[in-house]
């Protein structure tokens, strides 16, 4: 239950356990199930589905056809064994900060944390056990495949793929359709999955590919279309296939020295 100033469309299904503050708007055909908390001025557009254990901060905007706290595979297995019309997700809670924008068609799994003022494009998927910092951008069509840490002020452009066990530090730029990988032997040999580590203020150009376990040093730049097979030293520019050192990053670039 919540504030009388909230506006809830008569086609929305809102569980009695949902708590909402003043000036919340819940649009047509939304479904909110279980213990959910909406701070003031949260706006849910139409056809939004939010499952249990979700907290959404003040003035956050959720676009049409968004799913929040989607169950992971283990929870789906339990759901298939039940006969409930509306299932309840049992994972860790989803925490979405204030002034966040999640645009239409995006899917956020359970056990995800998104910091204040972060913005998602359309049709973004963020899998479970992922943490995204504040003031970051996740571009349209990006896939974050779970167990990923993304820092503050990170700019991820459209169509990027980020695999499990990847770390992206603060102020990183990932260009359109660059691909990070985590399986060295592409399922043909047993291997512990290891995503790349992209250190603070590094930039990855469009369509670049970063192989598993690679470390991109602080302030380094990877050229467009490069295939990175070895660690990249800090403040170094690499280009080509396979990527090789081109030169050091010029001093007038806005990148902190390591």
Protein backbone atom coordinates (compact mmCIF):
# COMPACT_ATOMS: atom_id res chain seq x y z
CA UNK A 1 0.00 0.00 0.00
CA UNK A 2 1.11 3.57 -0.41
CA UNK A 3 0.50 7.25 -0.89
CA UNK A 4 -2.88 8.54 -2.01
CA UNK A 5 -1.11 10.82 -4.49
CA UNK A 6 0.07 7.81 -6.51
CA UNK A 7 -1.63 7.17 -9.85
CA UNK A 8 -2.29 3.50 -10.59
CA UNK A 9 -4.01 2.52 -13.83
CA UNK A 10 -7.09 0.35 -13.33
CA UNK A 11 -5.59 -2.44 -15.48
CA UNK A 12 -2.43 -2.74 -13.33
CA UNK A 13 -2.02 -5.67 -10.93
CA UNK A 14 -0.34 -4.46 -7.74
CA UNK A 15 0.33 -6.89 -4.89
CA UNK A 16 -0.78 -5.78 -1.41
CA UNK A 17 2.87 -6.13 -0.30
CA UNK A 18 3.98 -3.36 -2.67
CA UNK A 19 4.91 -0.07 -0.97
CA UNK A 20 4.91 3.13 -2.99
CA UNK A 21 5.55 6.75 -2.05
CA UNK A 22 3.95 9.97 -3.23
CA UNK A 23 3.53 10.83 -6.90
CA UNK A 24 4.35 7.31 -8.12
CA UNK A 25 2.78 6.45 -11.48
CA UNK A 26 2.00 2.82 -12.40
CA UNK A 27 0.83 2.53 -16.00
CA UNK A 28 -1.52 0.22 -17.91
CA UNK A 29 -1.10 -3.56 -17.58
CA UNK A 30 1.82 -3.38 -15.15
CA UNK A 31 2.28 -6.37 -12.82
CA UNK A 32 4.01 -5.95 -9.45
CA UNK A 33 4.40 -9.10 -7.37
CA UNK A 34 5.55 -9.42 -3.76
CA UNK A 35 7.66 -7.13 -1.59
CA UNK A 36 8.51 -4.17 -3.81
CA UNK A 37 9.35 -0.61 -2.77
CA UNK A 38 8.93 2.38 -5.08
CA UNK A 39 10.27 5.72 -3.86
CA UNK A 40 8.51 8.97 -4.73
CA UNK A 41 8.07 10.05 -8.34
CA UNK A 42 8.94 6.62 -9.78
CA UNK A 43 7.21 6.21 -13.12
CA UNK A 44 6.35 2.84 -14.62
CA UNK A 45 5.10 2.97 -18.21
CA UNK A 46 2.87 0.25 -19.66
CA UNK A 47 3.38 -3.53 -19.45
CA UNK A 48 6.16 -3.34 -16.84
CA UNK A 49 6.65 -6.53 -14.79
CA UNK A 50 8.47 -6.34 -11.45
CA UNK A 51 9.04 -9.36 -9.26
CA UNK A 52 9.69 -9.68 -5.55
CA UNK A 53 12.56 -8.06 -3.61
CA UNK A 54 12.93 -4.97 -5.77
CA UNK A 55 13.69 -1.47 -4.54
CA UNK A 56 13.53 1.47 -6.96
CA UNK A 57 14.85 4.90 -6.04
CA UNK A 58 13.31 8.34 -6.36
CA UNK A 59 12.37 9.74 -9.79
CA UNK A 60 13.45 6.63 -11.71
CA UNK A 61 11.81 6.03 -15.09
CA UNK A 62 10.97 2.52 -16.30
CA UNK A 63 9.91 2.28 -19.95
CA UNK A 64 7.37 0.05 -21.69
CA UNK A 65 7.70 -3.76 -21.60
CA UNK A 66 10.54 -3.84 -19.06
CA UNK A 67 11.03 -6.85 -16.77
CA UNK A 68 12.79 -6.36 -13.43
CA UNK A 69 14.01 -9.17 -11.12
CA UNK A 70 13.63 -11.84 -13.80
CA UNK A 71 14.37 -15.28 -12.29
CA UNK A 72 17.70 -16.97 -12.99
CA UNK A 73 17.91 -20.57 -14.21
CA UNK A 74 17.80 -22.15 -10.74
CA UNK A 75 14.66 -20.21 -9.91
CA UNK A 76 13.09 -21.10 -13.25
CA UNK A 77 13.59 -24.78 -12.43
CA UNK A 78 11.58 -24.27 -9.23
CA UNK A 79 8.92 -22.27 -11.04
CA UNK A 80 8.37 -25.05 -13.57
CA UNK A 81 7.59 -27.41 -10.69
CA UNK A 82 4.92 -25.11 -9.26
CA UNK A 83 1.41 -24.34 -10.42
CA UNK A 84 1.33 -20.68 -9.44
CA UNK A 85 0.00 -18.21 -11.98
CA UNK A 86 2.36 -15.49 -10.71
CA UNK A 87 5.64 -16.87 -9.48
CA UNK A 88 7.74 -15.33 -6.73
CA UNK A 89 11.46 -14.83 -7.23
CA UNK A 90 13.62 -16.02 -4.34
CA UNK A 91 16.99 -14.52 -5.30
CA UNK A 92 18.75 -11.56 -3.75
CA UNK A 93 16.96 -8.26 -4.16
CA UNK A 94 17.27 -5.87 -7.06
CA UNK A 95 18.36 -2.36 -6.08
CA UNK A 96 17.86 0.44 -8.59
CA UNK A 97 19.04 3.88 -7.55
CA UNK A 98 17.46 7.30 -7.96
CA UNK A 99 17.05 9.12 -11.27
CA UNK A 100 17.81 5.95 -13.23
CA UNK A 101 16.38 5.54 -16.75
CA UNK A 102 15.60 2.04 -18.03
CA UNK A 103 14.25 2.26 -21.56
CA UNK A 104 11.70 0.00 -23.25
CA UNK A 105 12.27 -3.72 -23.76
CA UNK A 106 15.05 -4.13 -21.20
CA UNK A 107 15.31 -7.16 -18.89
CA UNK A 108 16.99 -6.93 -15.48
CA UNK A 109 17.55 -10.23 -13.68
CA UNK A 110 17.40 -10.84 -9.94
CA UNK A 111 20.37 -9.91 -7.71
CA UNK A 112 21.33 -6.81 -9.70
CA UNK A 113 22.35 -3.41 -8.34
CA UNK A 114 22.23 -0.25 -10.47
CA UNK A 115 23.60 3.03 -9.12
CA UNK A 116 22.07 6.50 -9.16
CA UNK A 117 21.73 8.45 -12.43
CA UNK A 118 22.66 5.45 -14.62
CA UNK A 119 20.88 5.18 -17.97
CA UNK A 120 20.02 2.10 -20.03
CA UNK A 121 19.14 2.12 -23.71
CA UNK A 122 16.41 0.01 -25.33
CA UNK A 123 16.47 -3.80 -25.18
CA UNK A 124 19.35 -4.11 -22.72
CA UNK A 125 19.76 -7.39 -20.83
CA UNK A 126 21.53 -7.49 -17.48
CA UNK A 127 21.91 -10.95 -15.95
CA UNK A 128 22.09 -11.88 -12.27
CA UNK A 129 24.82 -10.95 -9.76
CA UNK A 130 25.79 -7.80 -11.64
CA UNK A 131 26.66 -4.45 -10.09
CA UNK A 132 26.67 -1.19 -12.05
CA UNK A 133 27.90 2.05 -10.53
CA UNK A 134 26.58 5.61 -10.72
CA UNK A 135 26.31 7.92 -13.74
CA UNK A 136 27.01 5.13 -16.20
CA UNK A 137 25.50 4.48 -19.63
CA UNK A 138 24.56 1.04 -20.99
CA UNK A 139 23.74 1.37 -24.68
CA UNK A 140 20.87 -0.11 -26.68
CA UNK A 141 21.09 -3.83 -27.38
CA UNK A 142 23.92 -4.44 -24.90
CA UNK A 143 24.13 -7.80 -23.11
CA UNK A 144 25.73 -8.06 -19.66
CA UNK A 145 25.87 -11.78 -19.01
CA UNK A 146 25.99 -11.91 -15.22
CA UNK A 147 28.56 -11.82 -12.38
CA UNK A 148 29.93 -8.57 -13.80
CA UNK A 149 31.18 -5.46 -12.00
CA UNK A 150 30.88 -2.11 -13.79
CA UNK A 151 32.15 1.07 -12.17
CA UNK A 152 31.06 4.70 -12.09
CA UNK A 153 30.85 6.96 -15.16
CA UNK A 154 31.32 4.05 -17.56
CA UNK A 155 30.09 4.63 -21.13
CA UNK A 156 29.04 1.46 -22.94
CA UNK A 157 27.80 2.07 -26.47
CA UNK A 158 25.19 0.12 -28.46
CA UNK A 159 25.48 -3.60 -29.12
CA UNK A 160 28.32 -4.43 -26.71
CA UNK A 161 28.67 -7.98 -25.31
CA UNK A 162 30.07 -8.38 -21.78
CA UNK A 163 30.50 -11.99 -20.56
CA UNK A 164 30.39 -13.41 -17.04
CA UNK A 165 33.25 -12.66 -14.64
CA UNK A 166 34.24 -9.38 -16.27
CA UNK A 167 35.42 -6.32 -14.36
CA UNK A 168 35.09 -2.83 -15.83
CA UNK A 169 36.51 -0.04 -13.68
CA UNK A 170 35.54 3.64 -13.48
CA UNK A 171 35.48 6.00 -16.50
CA UNK A 172 35.89 3.24 -19.10
CA UNK A 173 34.58 3.69 -22.65
CA UNK A 174 33.42 0.68 -24.71
CA UNK A 175 32.71 1.50 -28.35
CA UNK A 176 29.79 0.18 -30.40
CA UNK A 177 29.62 -3.59 -30.87
CA UNK A 178 32.90 -4.39 -29.17
CA UNK A 179 32.99 -7.93 -27.80
CA UNK A 180 34.55 -9.17 -24.59
CA UNK A 181 35.01 -12.94 -24.17
CA UNK A 182 35.58 -15.38 -21.30
CA UNK A 183 36.05 -18.89 -22.78
CA UNK A 184 39.57 -19.47 -24.10
CA UNK A 185 38.75 -22.85 -25.68
CA UNK A 186 35.19 -22.13 -26.91
CA UNK A 187 33.71 -25.12 -25.05
CA UNK A 188 36.17 -27.61 -26.59
CA UNK A 189 38.32 -27.99 -23.48
CA UNK A 190 37.71 -27.59 -19.77
CA UNK A 191 38.53 -24.04 -18.73
CA UNK A 192 37.66 -21.77 -15.83
CA UNK A 193 35.77 -18.87 -17.36
CA UNK A 194 37.63 -15.58 -17.00
CA UNK A 195 36.36 -12.32 -18.38
CA UNK A 196 38.64 -9.37 -19.16
CA UNK A 197 39.64 -6.71 -16.65
CA UNK A 198 39.32 -3.22 -18.08
CA UNK A 199 41.13 -0.79 -15.81
CA UNK A 200 40.05 2.77 -15.08
CA UNK A 201 39.83 5.27 -17.96
CA UNK A 202 40.66 2.74 -20.68
CA UNK A 203 38.89 3.07 -24.05
CA UNK A 204 37.95 0.23 -26.39
CA UNK A 205 37.16 1.12 -30.01
CA UNK A 206 34.18 -0.05 -32.06
CA UNK A 207 34.09 -3.73 -33.06
CA UNK A 208 37.21 -4.60 -31.06
CA UNK A 209 37.45 -8.09 -29.52
CA UNK A 210 39.07 -8.71 -26.12
CA UNK A 211 40.07 -12.32 -25.39
CA UNK A 212 39.45 -14.08 -22.04
CA UNK A 213 41.37 -12.96 -18.97
CA UNK A 214 43.06 -10.05 -20.75
CA UNK A 215 43.89 -6.98 -18.69
CA UNK A 216 43.59 -3.60 -20.38
CA UNK A 217 45.76 -1.19 -18.41
CA UNK A 218 44.72 2.12 -16.90
CA UNK A 219 44.19 4.78 -19.56
CA UNK A 220 45.03 2.42 -22.45
CA UNK A 221 43.30 2.68 -25.83
CA UNK A 222 42.34 -0.24 -28.08
CA UNK A 223 41.79 0.74 -31.71
CA UNK A 224 38.61 -0.06 -33.64
CA UNK A 225 38.45 -3.62 -34.94
CA UNK A 226 41.50 -4.78 -32.98
CA UNK A 227 41.74 -8.33 -31.58
CA UNK A 228 43.51 -8.20 -28.23
CA UNK A 229 45.34 -11.43 -27.35
CA UNK A 230 47.80 -10.08 -24.75
CA UNK A 231 47.62 -7.71 -21.80
CA UNK A 232 47.82 -4.04 -22.75
CA UNK A 233 50.12 -1.81 -20.64
CA UNK A 234 48.72 1.38 -19.08
CA UNK A 235 48.54 4.51 -21.29
CA UNK A 236 49.35 2.51 -24.43
CA UNK A 237 47.54 2.51 -27.78
CA UNK A 238 47.20 -0.88 -29.51
CA UNK A 239 45.82 -1.58 -32.97
CA UNK A 240 45.50 -4.43 -35.47
CA UNK A 241 44.86 -8.18 -35.64
CA UNK A 242 46.39 -9.37 -33.43
CA UNK A 243 46.71 -6.09 -31.58
CA UNK A 244 50.21 -4.64 -31.26
CA UNK A 245 51.53 -1.55 -29.52
CA UNK A 246 51.21 1.49 -31.78
CA UNK A 247 52.40 4.24 -29.44
CA UNK A 248 51.90 5.72 -26.00
CA UNK A 249 48.80 7.76 -25.29
CA UNK A 250 49.58 11.46 -25.94
CA UNK A 251 49.92 13.66 -22.86
CA UNK A 252 47.09 15.94 -23.97
CA UNK A 253 44.52 13.12 -23.81
CA UNK A 254 42.21 13.37 -20.81
CA UNK A 255 43.45 10.19 -19.17
CA UNK A 256 45.00 10.00 -15.69
CA UNK A 257 48.63 8.89 -15.53
CA UNK A 258 49.22 5.59 -13.75
